[in-house]
């Protein structure tokens, strides 16, 4: 299994990303991510830099329950960086929020992500072990 995130828009306020899981050559799952903008990989305010050498691994905590952790050299001293539930940009401090689709849920004219808890549960059920994770930036 392999994971791929493609960043499609970074407007300086937030980053909109599409996520895909592959088993061999077959795409087996896709969803959306909401992330903060790229701000020099700064702790709590930036998304991670695009890199080909991350990993995803299952993780559990009291705050987020079962979720995923992003590991690898690009994470640096920001660890842990997580994929967890949340609908709005202010739900993330540099993590990737997972959802089914982009939709302005709170009327602030910025896309949010929908069905976050359900989408996270689906994703966690598929990623059972550490897998390769590539983040590409197509925002430019």
C-alpha atoms as a PDB file:
ATOM      1  CA  UNK A   1       0.000   0.000   0.000  1.00  0.00           C
ATOM      2  CA  UNK A   2       1.173   3.551  -0.800  1.00  0.00           C
ATOM      3  CA  UNK A   3      -0.282   7.005  -0.107  1.00  0.00           C
ATOM      4  CA  UNK A   4      -0.184  10.160  -2.221  1.00  0.00           C
ATOM      5  CA  UNK A   5      -1.304  13.705  -1.380  1.00  0.00           C
ATOM      6  CA  UNK A   6      -1.571  16.307  -4.143  1.00  0.00           C
ATOM      7  CA  UNK A   7      -1.828  19.907  -3.013  1.00  0.00           C
ATOM      8  CA  UNK A   8      -4.039  21.781  -5.445  1.00  0.00           C
ATOM      9  CA  UNK A   9      -4.516  25.219  -3.906  1.00  0.00           C
ATOM     10  CA  UNK A  10      -2.650  27.329  -1.358  1.00  0.00           C
ATOM     11  CA  UNK A  11      -4.191  30.801  -1.134  1.00  0.00           C
ATOM     12  CA  UNK A  12      -2.010  31.931   1.774  1.00  0.00           C
ATOM     13  CA  UNK A  13      -4.823  31.178   4.244  1.00  0.00           C
ATOM     14  CA  UNK A  14      -5.280  27.443   3.737  1.00  0.00           C
ATOM     15  CA  UNK A  15      -4.189  24.575   1.511  1.00  0.00           C
ATOM     16  CA  UNK A  16      -6.612  22.245  -0.267  1.00  0.00           C
ATOM     17  CA  UNK A  17      -5.287  18.760  -0.932  1.00  0.00           C
ATOM     18  CA  UNK A  18      -6.563  15.538  -2.509  1.00  0.00           C
ATOM     19  CA  UNK A  19      -5.400  12.269  -0.918  1.00  0.00           C
ATOM     20  CA  UNK A  20      -5.194   8.817  -2.517  1.00  0.00           C
ATOM     21  CA  UNK A  21      -4.386   5.305  -1.267  1.00  0.00           C
ATOM     22  CA  UNK A  22      -3.060   2.740  -3.715  1.00  0.00           C
ATOM     23  CA  UNK A  23      -2.776  -1.022  -3.472  1.00  0.00           C
ATOM     24  CA  UNK A  24      -0.380  -1.921  -6.256  1.00  0.00           C
ATOM     25  CA  UNK A  25      -1.630  -0.024  -9.317  1.00  0.00           C
ATOM     26  CA  UNK A  26      -5.195   0.294  -8.035  1.00  0.00           C
ATOM     27  CA  UNK A  27      -6.511   3.371  -6.254  1.00  0.00           C
ATOM     28  CA  UNK A  28      -8.533   2.016  -3.347  1.00  0.00           C
ATOM     29  CA  UNK A  29      -9.486   5.210  -1.492  1.00  0.00           C
ATOM     30  CA  UNK A  30      -9.579   8.968  -1.952  1.00  0.00           C
ATOM     31  CA  UNK A  31     -10.590  11.929   0.187  1.00  0.00           C
ATOM     32  CA  UNK A  32      -9.779  15.585   0.859  1.00  0.00           C
ATOM     33  CA  UNK A  33      -7.361  17.260   3.252  1.00  0.00           C
ATOM     34  CA  UNK A  34      -7.500  20.766   4.654  1.00  0.00           C
ATOM     35  CA  UNK A  35      -4.135  22.119   5.767  1.00  0.00           C
ATOM     36  CA  UNK A  36      -2.617  25.435   6.769  1.00  0.00           C
ATOM     37  CA  UNK A  37      -0.604  27.246   4.079  1.00  0.00           C
ATOM     38  CA  UNK A  38       3.090  26.569   3.577  1.00  0.00           C
ATOM     39  CA  UNK A  39       4.943  28.928   5.919  1.00  0.00           C
ATOM     40  CA  UNK A  40       8.483  27.613   6.024  1.00  0.00           C
ATOM     41  CA  UNK A  41       7.529  24.415   7.886  1.00  0.00           C
ATOM     42  CA  UNK A  42       6.969  26.529  11.023  1.00  0.00           C
ATOM     43  CA  UNK A  43       5.522  24.659  14.005  1.00  0.00           C
ATOM     44  CA  UNK A  44       1.715  25.045  14.453  1.00  0.00           C
ATOM     45  CA  UNK A  45       1.181  27.374  11.454  1.00  0.00           C
ATOM     46  CA  UNK A  46       2.542  25.608   8.341  1.00  0.00           C
ATOM     47  CA  UNK A  47       1.786  22.522   6.342  1.00  0.00           C
ATOM     48  CA  UNK A  48       4.685  20.130   5.789  1.00  0.00           C
ATOM     49  CA  UNK A  49       6.952  20.701   2.784  1.00  0.00           C
ATOM     50  CA  UNK A  50       6.167  18.578  -0.267  1.00  0.00           C
ATOM     51  CA  UNK A  51       8.532  15.567  -0.245  1.00  0.00           C
ATOM     52  CA  UNK A  52       8.633  12.019  -1.625  1.00  0.00           C
ATOM     53  CA  UNK A  53       9.938  10.329   1.523  1.00  0.00           C
ATOM     54  CA  UNK A  54       7.307  10.506   4.262  1.00  0.00           C
ATOM     55  CA  UNK A  55       5.550   7.565   5.903  1.00  0.00           C
ATOM     56  CA  UNK A  56       2.069   7.136   7.370  1.00  0.00           C
ATOM     57  CA  UNK A  57       1.588   5.037  10.468  1.00  0.00           C
ATOM     58  CA  UNK A  58      -1.333   4.269  12.761  1.00  0.00           C
ATOM     59  CA  UNK A  59      -1.443   6.173  16.047  1.00  0.00           C
ATOM     60  CA  UNK A  60      -3.853   6.599  18.939  1.00  0.00           C
ATOM     61  CA  UNK A  61      -4.210   9.325  21.556  1.00  0.00           C
ATOM     62  CA  UNK A  62      -6.741  10.453  24.131  1.00  0.00           C
ATOM     63  CA  UNK A  63      -7.392  13.667  22.183  1.00  0.00           C
ATOM     64  CA  UNK A  64      -7.937  12.227  18.666  1.00  0.00           C
ATOM     65  CA  UNK A  65      -8.576   8.515  19.248  1.00  0.00           C
ATOM     66  CA  UNK A  66      -7.351   6.410  16.322  1.00  0.00           C
ATOM     67  CA  UNK A  67      -5.697   8.502  13.634  1.00  0.00           C
ATOM     68  CA  UNK A  68      -2.535   8.568  11.490  1.00  0.00           C
ATOM     69  CA  UNK A  69       0.890  10.065  12.087  1.00  0.00           C
ATOM     70  CA  UNK A  70       3.179  11.408   9.363  1.00  0.00           C
ATOM     71  CA  UNK A  71       6.812  10.413   9.892  1.00  0.00           C
ATOM     72  CA  UNK A  72      10.030  11.065   8.001  1.00  0.00           C
ATOM     73  CA  UNK A  73      12.914  13.492   7.622  1.00  0.00           C
ATOM     74  CA  UNK A  74      10.681  16.358   6.432  1.00  0.00           C
ATOM     75  CA  UNK A  75       8.750  16.380   9.698  1.00  0.00           C
ATOM     76  CA  UNK A  76      11.873  17.463  11.587  1.00  0.00           C
ATOM     77  CA  UNK A  77      11.274  18.815  15.083  1.00  0.00           C
ATOM     78  CA  UNK A  78       7.534  19.271  14.409  1.00  0.00           C
ATOM     79  CA  UNK A  79       6.692  15.676  15.355  1.00  0.00           C
ATOM     80  CA  UNK A  80       4.074  14.544  15.765  1.00  0.00           C
ATOM     81  CA  UNK A  81       2.295  15.765  12.622  1.00  0.00           C
ATOM     82  CA  UNK A  82      -1.036  14.020  12.314  1.00  0.00           C
ATOM     83  CA  UNK A  83      -3.912  13.225  10.013  1.00  0.00           C
ATOM     84  CA  UNK A  84      -6.938  13.679  12.253  1.00  0.00           C
ATOM     85  CA  UNK A  85     -10.549  14.793  12.214  1.00  0.00           C
ATOM     86  CA  UNK A  86     -11.689  18.403  12.155  1.00  0.00           C
ATOM     87  CA  UNK A  87     -13.732  20.496   9.748  1.00  0.00           C
ATOM     88  CA  UNK A  88     -12.262  23.994   9.933  1.00  0.00           C
ATOM     89  CA  UNK A  89      -8.810  25.481   9.485  1.00  0.00           C
ATOM     90  CA  UNK A  90      -8.692  26.505  13.158  1.00  0.00           C
ATOM     91  CA  UNK A  91      -8.936  22.762  14.032  1.00  0.00           C
ATOM     92  CA  UNK A  92      -5.386  22.231  12.785  1.00  0.00           C
ATOM     93  CA  UNK A  93      -2.037  23.332  14.135  1.00  0.00           C
ATOM     94  CA  UNK A  94       0.001  22.141  11.161  1.00  0.00           C
ATOM     95  CA  UNK A  95      -1.754  18.795  10.741  1.00  0.00           C
ATOM     96  CA  UNK A  96      -3.854  17.450   7.873  1.00  0.00           C
ATOM     97  CA  UNK A  97      -7.617  17.454   8.470  1.00  0.00           C
ATOM     98  CA  UNK A  98      -9.426  14.712   6.586  1.00  0.00           C
ATOM     99  CA  UNK A  99     -12.875  14.930   4.956  1.00  0.00           C
ATOM    100  CA  UNK A 100     -15.063  13.700   2.102  1.00  0.00           C
ATOM    101  CA  UNK A 101     -15.333  16.975   0.176  1.00  0.00           C
ATOM    102  CA  UNK A 102     -14.655  20.693   0.322  1.00  0.00           C
ATOM    103  CA  UNK A 103     -17.579  22.916   1.310  1.00  0.00           C
ATOM    104  CA  UNK A 104     -17.909  26.228   3.154  1.00  0.00           C
ATOM    105  CA  UNK A 105     -19.599  24.941   6.308  1.00  0.00           C
ATOM    106  CA  UNK A 106     -19.309  28.034   8.513  1.00  0.00           C
ATOM    107  CA  UNK A 107     -20.037  30.819   6.024  1.00  0.00           C
ATOM    108  CA  UNK A 108     -16.545  32.399   6.090  1.00  0.00           C
ATOM    109  CA  UNK A 109     -16.146  31.998   2.289  1.00  0.00           C
ATOM    110  CA  UNK A 110     -13.302  29.472   2.769  1.00  0.00           C
ATOM    111  CA  UNK A 111     -13.650  25.763   1.995  1.00  0.00           C
ATOM    112  CA  UNK A 112     -13.855  23.414   4.975  1.00  0.00           C
ATOM    113  CA  UNK A 113     -13.954  19.580   4.893  1.00  0.00           C
ATOM    114  CA  UNK A 114     -17.108  17.534   5.421  1.00  0.00           C
ATOM    115  CA  UNK A 115     -17.747  14.223   7.232  1.00  0.00           C
ATOM    116  CA  UNK A 116     -14.370  14.310   8.935  1.00  0.00           C
ATOM    117  CA  UNK A 117     -14.948  11.718  11.677  1.00  0.00           C
ATOM    118  CA  UNK A 118     -16.435   9.175   9.278  1.00  0.00           C
ATOM    119  CA  UNK A 119     -13.701   9.753   6.689  1.00  0.00           C
ATOM    120  CA  UNK A 120     -10.966   9.379   9.293  1.00  0.00           C
ATOM    121  CA  UNK A 121     -12.474   6.090  10.506  1.00  0.00           C
ATOM    122  CA  UNK A 122     -12.531   4.774   6.921  1.00  0.00           C
ATOM    123  CA  UNK A 123      -8.917   5.803   6.347  1.00  0.00           C
ATOM    124  CA  UNK A 124      -7.651   4.376   9.650  1.00  0.00           C
ATOM    125  CA  UNK A 125      -9.398   1.071   8.864  1.00  0.00           C
ATOM    126  CA  UNK A 126      -7.351   0.808   5.663  1.00  0.00           C
ATOM    127  CA  UNK A 127      -3.914   1.889   6.932  1.00  0.00           C
ATOM    128  CA  UNK A 128      -2.916  -0.859   9.365  1.00  0.00           C
ATOM    129  CA  UNK A 129       0.895  -0.572   9.119  1.00  0.00           C
ATOM    130  CA  UNK A 130       3.578   1.975   8.213  1.00  0.00           C
ATOM    131  CA  UNK A 131       3.347   2.813   4.497  1.00  0.00           C
ATOM    132  CA  UNK A 132       5.204   5.160   2.090  1.00  0.00           C
ATOM    133  CA  UNK A 133       3.634   8.614   1.717  1.00  0.00           C
ATOM    134  CA  UNK A 134       4.421  11.178  -0.976  1.00  0.00           C
ATOM    135  CA  UNK A 135       3.263  14.817  -0.843  1.00  0.00           C
ATOM    136  CA  UNK A 136       3.271  16.706  -4.165  1.00  0.00           C
ATOM    137  CA  UNK A 137       2.694  20.437  -4.558  1.00  0.00           C
ATOM    138  CA  UNK A 138       0.702  21.499  -7.634  1.00  0.00           C
ATOM    139  CA  UNK A 139      -0.335  24.863  -6.196  1.00  0.00           C
ATOM    140  CA  UNK A 140       2.063  26.978  -8.234  1.00  0.00           C
END
